[in-house]
Amino acid sequence: MRIFTASVVIAALSLGTPAFVQAQGAPSQPEAQTPPDQSSTVIRSIQVVDVKKLKPEVRSKVDDIVKHTSEKDMQSLRALIDATPEAASALKAKGLSSSHVVAINIADGVLTLFAKTA
C-alpha cells in the first residue's frame, strides 16, 4: 500500500482521538502519545466517521481540535486528501468529499477521516 505523509494536523489530532479508537474495540493507547514518524506511516485501511455519531466526549475533543486548527492547515489537509485516491474514494463511497473532513487520525495503520455534514 502507499505510504502517506501528512501535515502537522495529524500530530494535533493524534492526541484528540484515542478514546474513539478504544470505543471501536482497538487496543487501548495512552492518552498522550508521541506522534508517529509521518514519513514512514503506512496506511492499511481507511474509515470515514460522521462526527455526529461520536460519543459526546470524543466529539468534544474533535471539535476542540477543529477550533484550534487554522484555515491554512485545514486547506492543506483537504488538499492531501484530494491528492490521495484511496482517501477520496472512501469519502465518495459515503457521498462525501474532502470539504466535509474536519479532522483525521492515524493509528495502527488505520486512517480515520472525521467528517461533518451540515
N, C-alpha and C. Protein backbone atom coordinates (compact mmCIF):
# COMPACT_ATOMS: atom_id res chain seq x y z
N MET A 1 0.85 -1.18 0.00
CA MET A 1 0.00 0.00 0.00
C MET A 1 0.88 1.24 0.00
N ARG A 2 0.35 2.34 -0.36
CA ARG A 2 1.09 3.58 -0.40
C ARG A 2 1.48 4.05 0.98
N ILE A 3 2.54 4.81 1.01
CA ILE A 3 2.94 5.46 2.25
C ILE A 3 2.43 6.90 2.15
N PHE A 4 1.64 7.31 3.13
CA PHE A 4 1.09 8.66 3.13
C PHE A 4 1.92 9.55 4.04
N THR A 5 2.11 10.77 3.62
CA THR A 5 2.69 11.75 4.52
C THR A 5 1.59 12.74 4.84
N ALA A 6 1.62 13.32 6.00
CA ALA A 6 0.55 14.21 6.41
C ALA A 6 1.11 15.47 7.03
N SER A 7 0.24 16.45 7.15
CA SER A 7 0.64 17.74 7.71
C SER A 7 0.67 17.71 9.22
N VAL A 8 0.99 18.83 9.79
CA VAL A 8 1.07 18.98 11.23
C VAL A 8 -0.27 18.67 11.89
N VAL A 9 -1.34 18.73 11.15
CA VAL A 9 -2.66 18.47 11.70
C VAL A 9 -2.71 17.09 12.33
N ILE A 10 -2.04 16.11 11.75
CA ILE A 10 -2.06 14.76 12.29
C ILE A 10 -1.50 14.74 13.70
N ALA A 11 -0.42 15.47 13.92
CA ALA A 11 0.19 15.49 15.24
C ALA A 11 -0.80 16.01 16.28
N ALA A 12 -1.52 17.04 15.95
CA ALA A 12 -2.51 17.58 16.89
C ALA A 12 -3.67 16.61 17.06
N LEU A 13 -4.09 15.99 15.99
CA LEU A 13 -5.25 15.10 16.06
C LEU A 13 -4.95 13.79 16.77
N SER A 14 -3.72 13.35 16.71
CA SER A 14 -3.40 12.08 17.34
C SER A 14 -3.62 12.14 18.85
N LEU A 15 -3.60 13.32 19.43
CA LEU A 15 -3.86 13.46 20.85
C LEU A 15 -5.35 13.55 21.16
N GLY A 16 -6.16 13.86 20.15
CA GLY A 16 -7.57 14.11 20.41
C GLY A 16 -8.50 12.95 20.16
N THR A 17 -8.03 11.81 19.67
CA THR A 17 -8.98 10.77 19.30
C THR A 17 -8.74 9.38 19.88
N PRO A 18 -7.82 9.18 20.82
CA PRO A 18 -7.63 7.83 21.31
C PRO A 18 -8.89 7.21 21.90
N ALA A 19 -9.76 8.00 22.51
CA ALA A 19 -10.99 7.46 23.08
C ALA A 19 -11.86 6.84 22.00
N PHE A 20 -11.86 7.42 20.82
CA PHE A 20 -12.64 6.85 19.72
C PHE A 20 -12.05 5.51 19.31
N VAL A 21 -10.75 5.43 19.23
CA VAL A 21 -10.10 4.18 18.85
C VAL A 21 -10.46 3.10 19.86
N GLN A 22 -10.46 3.43 21.14
CA GLN A 22 -10.81 2.45 22.16
C GLN A 22 -12.28 2.05 22.04
N ALA A 23 -13.13 2.99 21.72
CA ALA A 23 -14.55 2.69 21.62
C ALA A 23 -14.84 1.70 20.49
N GLN A 24 -13.98 1.65 19.51
CA GLN A 24 -14.18 0.75 18.39
C GLN A 24 -13.59 -0.64 18.66
N GLY A 25 -13.07 -0.87 19.86
CA GLY A 25 -12.56 -2.19 20.21
C GLY A 25 -11.09 -2.39 19.90
N ALA A 26 -10.41 -1.36 19.50
CA ALA A 26 -8.98 -1.47 19.23
C ALA A 26 -8.24 -1.49 20.56
N PRO A 27 -7.01 -1.97 20.57
CA PRO A 27 -6.24 -1.95 21.81
C PRO A 27 -6.10 -0.52 22.33
N SER A 28 -6.13 -0.38 23.63
CA SER A 28 -6.06 0.97 24.20
C SER A 28 -4.70 1.59 23.94
N GLN A 29 -4.71 2.92 23.84
CA GLN A 29 -3.50 3.69 23.61
C GLN A 29 -3.38 4.70 24.74
N PRO A 30 -2.17 5.11 25.09
CA PRO A 30 -2.04 6.13 26.11
C PRO A 30 -2.66 7.44 25.62
N GLU A 31 -3.23 8.21 26.56
CA GLU A 31 -3.85 9.48 26.21
C GLU A 31 -2.86 10.42 25.52
N ALA A 32 -1.66 10.50 26.05
CA ALA A 32 -0.65 11.38 25.45
C ALA A 32 0.35 10.49 24.73
N GLN A 33 0.29 10.50 23.44
CA GLN A 33 1.19 9.66 22.67
C GLN A 33 2.08 10.52 21.80
N THR A 34 3.21 10.00 21.45
CA THR A 34 4.12 10.70 20.57
C THR A 34 3.62 10.52 19.15
N PRO A 35 3.48 11.59 18.38
CA PRO A 35 3.03 11.45 17.00
C PRO A 35 3.97 10.53 16.23
N PRO A 36 3.42 9.72 15.33
CA PRO A 36 4.25 8.81 14.58
C PRO A 36 5.18 9.55 13.63
N ASP A 37 6.26 8.89 13.24
CA ASP A 37 7.14 9.44 12.22
C ASP A 37 6.32 9.46 10.94
N GLN A 38 5.84 10.63 10.56
CA GLN A 38 4.86 10.74 9.49
C GLN A 38 5.39 10.28 8.14
N SER A 39 6.68 10.29 7.94
CA SER A 39 7.22 9.88 6.65
C SER A 39 7.21 8.36 6.50
N SER A 40 7.01 7.61 7.60
CA SER A 40 7.02 6.16 7.49
C SER A 40 5.70 5.51 7.90
N THR A 41 4.65 6.30 8.06
CA THR A 41 3.36 5.76 8.43
C THR A 41 2.72 5.08 7.23
N VAL A 42 2.41 3.80 7.39
CA VAL A 42 1.77 3.04 6.32
C VAL A 42 0.30 2.88 6.66
N ILE A 43 -0.55 3.25 5.74
CA ILE A 43 -1.99 3.15 5.93
C ILE A 43 -2.47 1.85 5.28
N ARG A 44 -3.10 1.00 6.09
CA ARG A 44 -3.63 -0.27 5.57
C ARG A 44 -5.12 -0.20 5.30
N SER A 45 -5.82 0.70 5.99
CA SER A 45 -7.25 0.85 5.74
C SER A 45 -7.68 2.27 6.08
N ILE A 46 -8.84 2.63 5.54
CA ILE A 46 -9.38 3.98 5.73
C ILE A 46 -10.82 3.83 6.19
N GLN A 47 -11.18 4.59 7.22
CA GLN A 47 -12.57 4.62 7.64
C GLN A 47 -13.04 6.07 7.70
N VAL A 48 -14.30 6.26 7.40
CA VAL A 48 -14.91 7.58 7.45
C VAL A 48 -15.93 7.56 8.58
N VAL A 49 -15.81 8.54 9.48
CA VAL A 49 -16.67 8.61 10.65
C VAL A 49 -17.40 9.94 10.66
N ASP A 50 -18.72 9.89 10.85
CA ASP A 50 -19.52 11.10 10.99
C ASP A 50 -19.34 11.61 12.42
N VAL A 51 -18.89 12.84 12.57
CA VAL A 51 -18.64 13.42 13.88
C VAL A 51 -19.90 13.36 14.74
N LYS A 52 -21.07 13.48 14.14
CA LYS A 52 -22.34 13.45 14.88
C LYS A 52 -22.56 12.11 15.58
N LYS A 53 -21.94 11.05 15.08
CA LYS A 53 -22.16 9.72 15.64
C LYS A 53 -21.15 9.35 16.72
N LEU A 54 -20.23 10.26 17.03
CA LEU A 54 -19.24 10.01 18.08
C LEU A 54 -19.87 10.21 19.45
N LYS A 55 -19.28 9.55 20.45
CA LYS A 55 -19.70 9.80 21.82
C LYS A 55 -19.43 11.26 22.13
N PRO A 56 -20.26 11.88 22.97
CA PRO A 56 -20.10 13.32 23.26
C PRO A 56 -18.69 13.73 23.69
N GLU A 57 -18.04 12.92 24.53
CA GLU A 57 -16.71 13.31 25.00
C GLU A 57 -15.68 13.27 23.87
N VAL A 58 -15.82 12.34 22.94
CA VAL A 58 -14.91 12.26 21.80
C VAL A 58 -15.21 13.39 20.82
N ARG A 59 -16.50 13.62 20.58
CA ARG A 59 -16.91 14.71 19.69
C ARG A 59 -16.39 16.03 20.21
N SER A 60 -16.42 16.23 21.52
CA SER A 60 -15.92 17.45 22.13
C SER A 60 -14.43 17.62 21.85
N LYS A 61 -13.66 16.54 21.93
CA LYS A 61 -12.22 16.61 21.65
C LYS A 61 -11.98 16.97 20.19
N VAL A 62 -12.73 16.35 19.29
CA VAL A 62 -12.58 16.65 17.86
C VAL A 62 -12.95 18.11 17.61
N ASP A 63 -14.07 18.56 18.18
CA ASP A 63 -14.48 19.96 18.00
C ASP A 63 -13.44 20.93 18.52
N ASP A 64 -12.81 20.60 19.64
CA ASP A 64 -11.78 21.47 20.21
C ASP A 64 -10.57 21.56 19.27
N ILE A 65 -10.18 20.43 18.71
CA ILE A 65 -9.05 20.43 17.78
C ILE A 65 -9.39 21.24 16.54
N VAL A 66 -10.60 21.07 16.02
CA VAL A 66 -11.03 21.81 14.83
C VAL A 66 -11.00 23.31 15.12
N LYS A 67 -11.46 23.68 16.31
CA LYS A 67 -11.50 25.10 16.69
C LYS A 67 -10.10 25.72 16.69
N HIS A 68 -9.08 24.91 17.00
CA HIS A 68 -7.71 25.42 17.09
C HIS A 68 -6.89 25.16 15.83
N THR A 69 -7.52 24.68 14.79
CA THR A 69 -6.82 24.41 13.53
C THR A 69 -7.01 25.60 12.59
N SER A 70 -5.92 26.08 12.06
CA SER A 70 -6.01 27.24 11.16
C SER A 70 -6.65 26.85 9.83
N GLU A 71 -7.17 27.82 9.16
CA GLU A 71 -7.78 27.57 7.85
C GLU A 71 -6.73 27.06 6.86
N LYS A 72 -5.52 27.57 6.99
CA LYS A 72 -4.43 27.12 6.11
C LYS A 72 -4.13 25.64 6.33
N ASP A 73 -4.07 25.21 7.59
CA ASP A 73 -3.85 23.79 7.88
C ASP A 73 -5.01 22.93 7.37
N MET A 74 -6.23 23.43 7.52
CA MET A 74 -7.40 22.69 7.05
C MET A 74 -7.36 22.54 5.52
N GLN A 75 -6.96 23.60 4.83
CA GLN A 75 -6.84 23.53 3.37
C GLN A 75 -5.75 22.55 2.96
N SER A 76 -4.64 22.54 3.69
CA SER A 76 -3.57 21.58 3.40
C SER A 76 -4.04 20.16 3.61
N LEU A 77 -4.77 19.93 4.68
CA LEU A 77 -5.31 18.60 4.96
C LEU A 77 -6.23 18.15 3.84
N ARG A 78 -7.13 19.01 3.43
CA ARG A 78 -8.09 18.65 2.37
C ARG A 78 -7.39 18.45 1.03
N ALA A 79 -6.35 19.22 0.76
CA ALA A 79 -5.58 19.03 -0.47
C ALA A 79 -4.88 17.67 -0.45
N LEU A 80 -4.36 17.30 0.70
CA LEU A 80 -3.71 16.00 0.85
C LEU A 80 -4.71 14.87 0.62
N ILE A 81 -5.90 15.02 1.16
CA ILE A 81 -6.95 14.02 0.95
C ILE A 81 -7.31 13.92 -0.53
N ASP A 82 -7.49 15.06 -1.19
CA ASP A 82 -7.83 15.07 -2.62
C ASP A 82 -6.73 14.43 -3.46
N ALA A 83 -5.49 14.56 -3.03
CA ALA A 83 -4.36 14.01 -3.77
C ALA A 83 -4.13 12.53 -3.48
N THR A 84 -4.94 11.98 -2.59
CA THR A 84 -4.81 10.57 -2.21
C THR A 84 -6.03 9.82 -2.71
N PRO A 85 -5.90 9.11 -3.82
CA PRO A 85 -7.07 8.45 -4.42
C PRO A 85 -7.84 7.54 -3.46
N GLU A 86 -7.15 6.82 -2.60
CA GLU A 86 -7.82 5.92 -1.67
C GLU A 86 -8.71 6.68 -0.69
N ALA A 87 -8.20 7.79 -0.17
CA ALA A 87 -8.97 8.59 0.78
C ALA A 87 -10.16 9.26 0.09
N ALA A 88 -9.92 9.82 -1.08
CA ALA A 88 -11.00 10.45 -1.83
C ALA A 88 -12.08 9.44 -2.19
N SER A 89 -11.67 8.22 -2.53
CA SER A 89 -12.62 7.16 -2.88
C SER A 89 -13.45 6.74 -1.67
N ALA A 90 -12.81 6.64 -0.51
CA ALA A 90 -13.54 6.26 0.72
C ALA A 90 -14.61 7.30 1.05
N LEU A 91 -14.27 8.57 0.85
CA LEU A 91 -15.25 9.63 1.09
C LEU A 91 -16.38 9.57 0.06
N LYS A 92 -16.01 9.40 -1.19
CA LYS A 92 -17.01 9.36 -2.27
C LYS A 92 -17.99 8.21 -2.05
N ALA A 93 -17.51 7.09 -1.54
CA ALA A 93 -18.38 5.94 -1.27
C ALA A 93 -19.45 6.27 -0.23
N LYS A 94 -19.17 7.25 0.62
CA LYS A 94 -20.14 7.69 1.64
C LYS A 94 -20.92 8.91 1.18
N GLY A 95 -20.70 9.33 -0.07
CA GLY A 95 -21.39 10.51 -0.59
C GLY A 95 -20.79 11.81 -0.08
N LEU A 96 -19.51 11.78 0.30
CA LEU A 96 -18.85 12.95 0.86
C LEU A 96 -17.64 13.34 0.02
N SER A 97 -17.06 14.48 0.36
CA SER A 97 -15.82 14.94 -0.29
C SER A 97 -14.89 15.46 0.80
N SER A 98 -13.70 15.85 0.41
CA SER A 98 -12.73 16.36 1.38
C SER A 98 -13.23 17.60 2.11
N SER A 99 -14.15 18.33 1.50
CA SER A 99 -14.68 19.53 2.16
C SER A 99 -15.48 19.19 3.41
N HIS A 100 -15.90 17.95 3.56
CA HIS A 100 -16.62 17.52 4.75
C HIS A 100 -15.68 17.11 5.89
N VAL A 101 -14.41 16.85 5.57
CA VAL A 101 -13.46 16.37 6.56
C VAL A 101 -13.01 17.53 7.45
N VAL A 102 -13.12 17.32 8.76
CA VAL A 102 -12.71 18.34 9.71
C VAL A 102 -11.50 17.90 10.52
N ALA A 103 -11.21 16.60 10.51
CA ALA A 103 -10.08 16.09 11.28
C ALA A 103 -9.73 14.69 10.77
N ILE A 104 -8.51 14.27 11.07
CA ILE A 104 -8.10 12.90 10.76
C ILE A 104 -7.31 12.34 11.93
N ASN A 105 -7.17 11.04 11.93
CA ASN A 105 -6.31 10.37 12.90
C ASN A 105 -5.71 9.16 12.22
N ILE A 106 -4.47 8.87 12.56
CA ILE A 106 -3.81 7.66 12.07
C ILE A 106 -3.37 6.86 13.29
N ALA A 107 -3.87 5.65 13.39
CA ALA A 107 -3.49 4.77 14.49
C ALA A 107 -3.50 3.34 13.99
N ASP A 108 -2.44 2.61 14.28
CA ASP A 108 -2.36 1.19 13.93
C ASP A 108 -2.65 0.92 12.47
N GLY A 109 -2.19 1.81 11.58
CA GLY A 109 -2.37 1.61 10.16
C GLY A 109 -3.75 1.96 9.63
N VAL A 110 -4.59 2.55 10.47
CA VAL A 110 -5.93 2.94 10.06
C VAL A 110 -6.01 4.46 10.00
N LEU A 111 -6.36 4.97 8.83
CA LEU A 111 -6.60 6.40 8.66
C LEU A 111 -8.08 6.63 8.89
N THR A 112 -8.39 7.42 9.90
CA THR A 112 -9.78 7.77 10.19
C THR A 112 -10.02 9.20 9.73
N LEU A 113 -11.01 9.37 8.88
CA LEU A 113 -11.40 10.69 8.40
C LEU A 113 -12.68 11.07 9.15
N PHE A 114 -12.61 12.15 9.93
CA PHE A 114 -13.77 12.62 10.66
C PHE A 114 -14.48 13.66 9.81
N ALA A 115 -15.74 13.40 9.49
CA ALA A 115 -16.49 14.28 8.59
C ALA A 115 -17.70 14.89 9.28
N LYS A 116 -17.99 16.12 8.89
CA LYS A 116 -19.20 16.81 9.35
C LYS A 116 -20.08 17.07 8.14
N THR A 117 -21.33 16.74 8.29
CA THR A 117 -22.29 17.01 7.22
C THR A 117 -23.32 18.00 7.76
N ALA A 118 -23.26 19.22 7.29
CA ALA A 118 -24.14 20.31 7.68
C ALA A 118 -24.24 20.58 9.11
